[in-house]
């Protein structure tokens, strides 16, 4: 029974991670200098170049005419997506382990919090001072 629950949870987390890709692509396309990332999943296969392009997009955030707070949020959003995706790939390769699913789930929760900041327009009011030492 536990194996079935873990497989179901894995499926749910992978679907959520793949769904989050569409949100990342949308957010990046809406930046002042739009960043276009190809779809991660085509009709028949995964597109590894899309994963690589997300990493390039993370670097391009520095060139956007947005606040430093917003740059941090966008970069962290992409890193949280990478965390969830990579840990689910690792689970597939290295085998099931409950902590791997917990890591992916927690990364998606952090992803969701960052996505809410972007959607609400609150990315510049998120409570820390970059000038503090």
Protein backbone atom coordinates (compact mmCIF):
# COMPACT_ATOMS: atom_id res chain seq x y z
CA UNK A 1 0.00 0.00 0.00
CA UNK A 2 2.79 2.41 0.87
CA UNK A 3 4.44 1.82 -2.53
CA UNK A 4 1.19 2.69 -4.29
CA UNK A 5 0.84 5.88 -2.23
CA UNK A 6 4.42 6.87 -3.01
CA UNK A 7 3.89 6.26 -6.73
CA UNK A 8 0.71 8.32 -6.66
CA UNK A 9 2.47 11.11 -4.77
CA UNK A 10 5.34 10.99 -7.28
CA UNK A 11 2.90 11.32 -10.17
CA UNK A 12 1.15 14.27 -8.52
CA UNK A 13 4.45 16.03 -7.80
CA UNK A 14 5.74 15.47 -11.34
CA UNK A 15 2.52 16.82 -12.81
CA UNK A 16 2.75 19.85 -10.51
CA UNK A 17 6.38 20.40 -11.48
CA UNK A 18 5.62 20.18 -15.18
CA UNK A 19 2.63 22.48 -14.68
CA UNK A 20 4.86 24.96 -12.89
CA UNK A 21 6.95 25.17 -16.05
CA UNK A 22 4.08 26.90 -17.81
CA UNK A 23 3.90 29.47 -15.05
CA UNK A 24 7.65 30.13 -15.24
CA UNK A 25 7.41 30.52 -19.01
CA UNK A 26 4.51 32.95 -18.63
CA UNK A 27 6.30 35.06 -16.01
CA UNK A 28 9.48 35.21 -18.09
CA UNK A 29 7.55 36.17 -21.22
CA UNK A 30 5.96 39.08 -19.31
CA UNK A 31 9.27 40.61 -18.21
CA UNK A 32 10.16 44.05 -19.64
CA UNK A 33 12.64 42.27 -21.90
CA UNK A 34 10.67 39.07 -22.61
CA UNK A 35 12.55 35.80 -22.16
CA UNK A 36 11.20 32.92 -24.24
CA UNK A 37 11.70 29.39 -22.94
CA UNK A 38 10.64 26.42 -25.07
CA UNK A 39 8.05 23.98 -23.75
CA UNK A 40 9.51 21.27 -21.56
CA UNK A 41 7.21 18.55 -22.85
CA UNK A 42 6.26 18.14 -26.46
CA UNK A 43 3.58 15.77 -27.69
CA UNK A 44 5.93 12.81 -27.63
CA UNK A 45 9.00 13.58 -25.55
CA UNK A 46 10.80 15.71 -22.99
CA UNK A 47 12.78 18.63 -24.39
CA UNK A 48 16.13 18.77 -22.54
CA UNK A 49 16.98 22.05 -24.28
CA UNK A 50 14.10 23.64 -22.37
CA UNK A 51 15.76 22.76 -19.07
CA UNK A 52 19.03 24.26 -20.29
CA UNK A 53 17.21 27.37 -21.50
CA UNK A 54 15.73 27.84 -18.03
CA UNK A 55 19.24 28.03 -16.67
CA UNK A 56 20.15 30.60 -19.33
CA UNK A 57 16.99 32.54 -18.45
CA UNK A 58 18.14 32.62 -14.83
CA UNK A 59 21.33 34.38 -15.98
CA UNK A 60 19.38 36.79 -18.19
CA UNK A 61 17.35 38.02 -15.22
CA UNK A 62 20.35 40.16 -14.21
CA UNK A 63 19.92 42.21 -17.40
CA UNK A 64 16.23 42.94 -16.82
CA UNK A 65 15.26 46.51 -15.93
CA UNK A 66 13.55 45.41 -12.71
CA UNK A 67 14.42 45.89 -9.06
CA UNK A 68 17.05 43.78 -7.33
CA UNK A 69 14.30 42.30 -5.15
CA UNK A 70 12.40 41.18 -8.24
CA UNK A 71 15.56 39.72 -9.78
CA UNK A 72 16.08 37.62 -6.64
CA UNK A 73 12.49 36.40 -6.72
CA UNK A 74 12.66 35.42 -10.39
CA UNK A 75 16.01 33.65 -9.99
CA UNK A 76 14.80 31.83 -6.87
CA UNK A 77 11.57 30.84 -8.63
CA UNK A 78 13.60 29.11 -11.33
CA UNK A 79 15.89 27.48 -8.73
CA UNK A 80 12.91 26.10 -6.82
CA UNK A 81 11.59 24.64 -10.06
CA UNK A 82 15.00 23.07 -10.68
CA UNK A 83 15.02 21.64 -7.16
CA UNK A 84 11.66 19.93 -7.63
CA UNK A 85 12.48 18.70 -11.13
CA UNK A 86 15.97 17.43 -10.32
CA UNK A 87 14.91 15.61 -7.17
CA UNK A 88 12.11 13.85 -9.06
CA UNK A 89 14.57 12.82 -11.76
CA UNK A 90 16.91 11.58 -9.04
CA UNK A 91 14.07 9.60 -7.50
CA UNK A 92 13.52 7.91 -10.83
CA UNK A 93 17.21 7.04 -11.17
CA UNK A 94 18.18 6.30 -7.55
CA UNK A 95 14.91 4.83 -6.42
CA UNK A 96 12.20 5.77 -3.97
CA UNK A 97 12.99 7.48 -0.73
CA UNK A 98 10.38 9.40 1.27
CA UNK A 99 12.66 12.38 1.81
CA UNK A 100 13.03 12.89 -1.94
CA UNK A 101 9.31 13.42 -2.30
CA UNK A 102 9.34 15.71 0.74
CA UNK A 103 12.12 17.77 -0.86
CA UNK A 104 10.19 18.08 -4.13
CA UNK A 105 6.99 19.00 -2.33
CA UNK A 106 8.71 21.64 -0.20
CA UNK A 107 10.40 23.12 -3.29
CA UNK A 108 7.01 23.40 -4.98
CA UNK A 109 5.59 25.11 -1.90
CA UNK A 110 8.41 27.67 -2.01
CA UNK A 111 7.84 27.99 -5.77
CA UNK A 112 4.18 28.75 -5.08
CA UNK A 113 5.02 31.44 -2.54
CA UNK A 114 7.39 33.14 -4.98
CA UNK A 115 4.84 32.85 -7.79
CA UNK A 116 2.28 34.58 -5.57
CA UNK A 117 4.70 37.46 -5.02
CA UNK A 118 5.10 37.88 -8.76
CA UNK A 119 1.38 37.53 -9.55
CA UNK A 120 0.38 39.99 -6.84
CA UNK A 121 3.01 42.54 -7.83
CA UNK A 122 4.48 42.39 -4.31
CA UNK A 123 7.98 41.37 -5.41
CA UNK A 124 9.41 44.70 -4.30
CA UNK A 125 7.78 44.60 -0.88
CA UNK A 126 9.01 41.37 0.39
CA UNK A 127 10.72 42.39 3.51
CA UNK A 128 14.47 42.54 3.31
CA UNK A 129 16.97 45.27 2.66
CA UNK A 130 19.67 44.48 0.12
CA UNK A 131 21.86 47.25 1.52
CA UNK A 132 22.08 45.72 5.01
CA UNK A 133 25.43 44.16 5.90
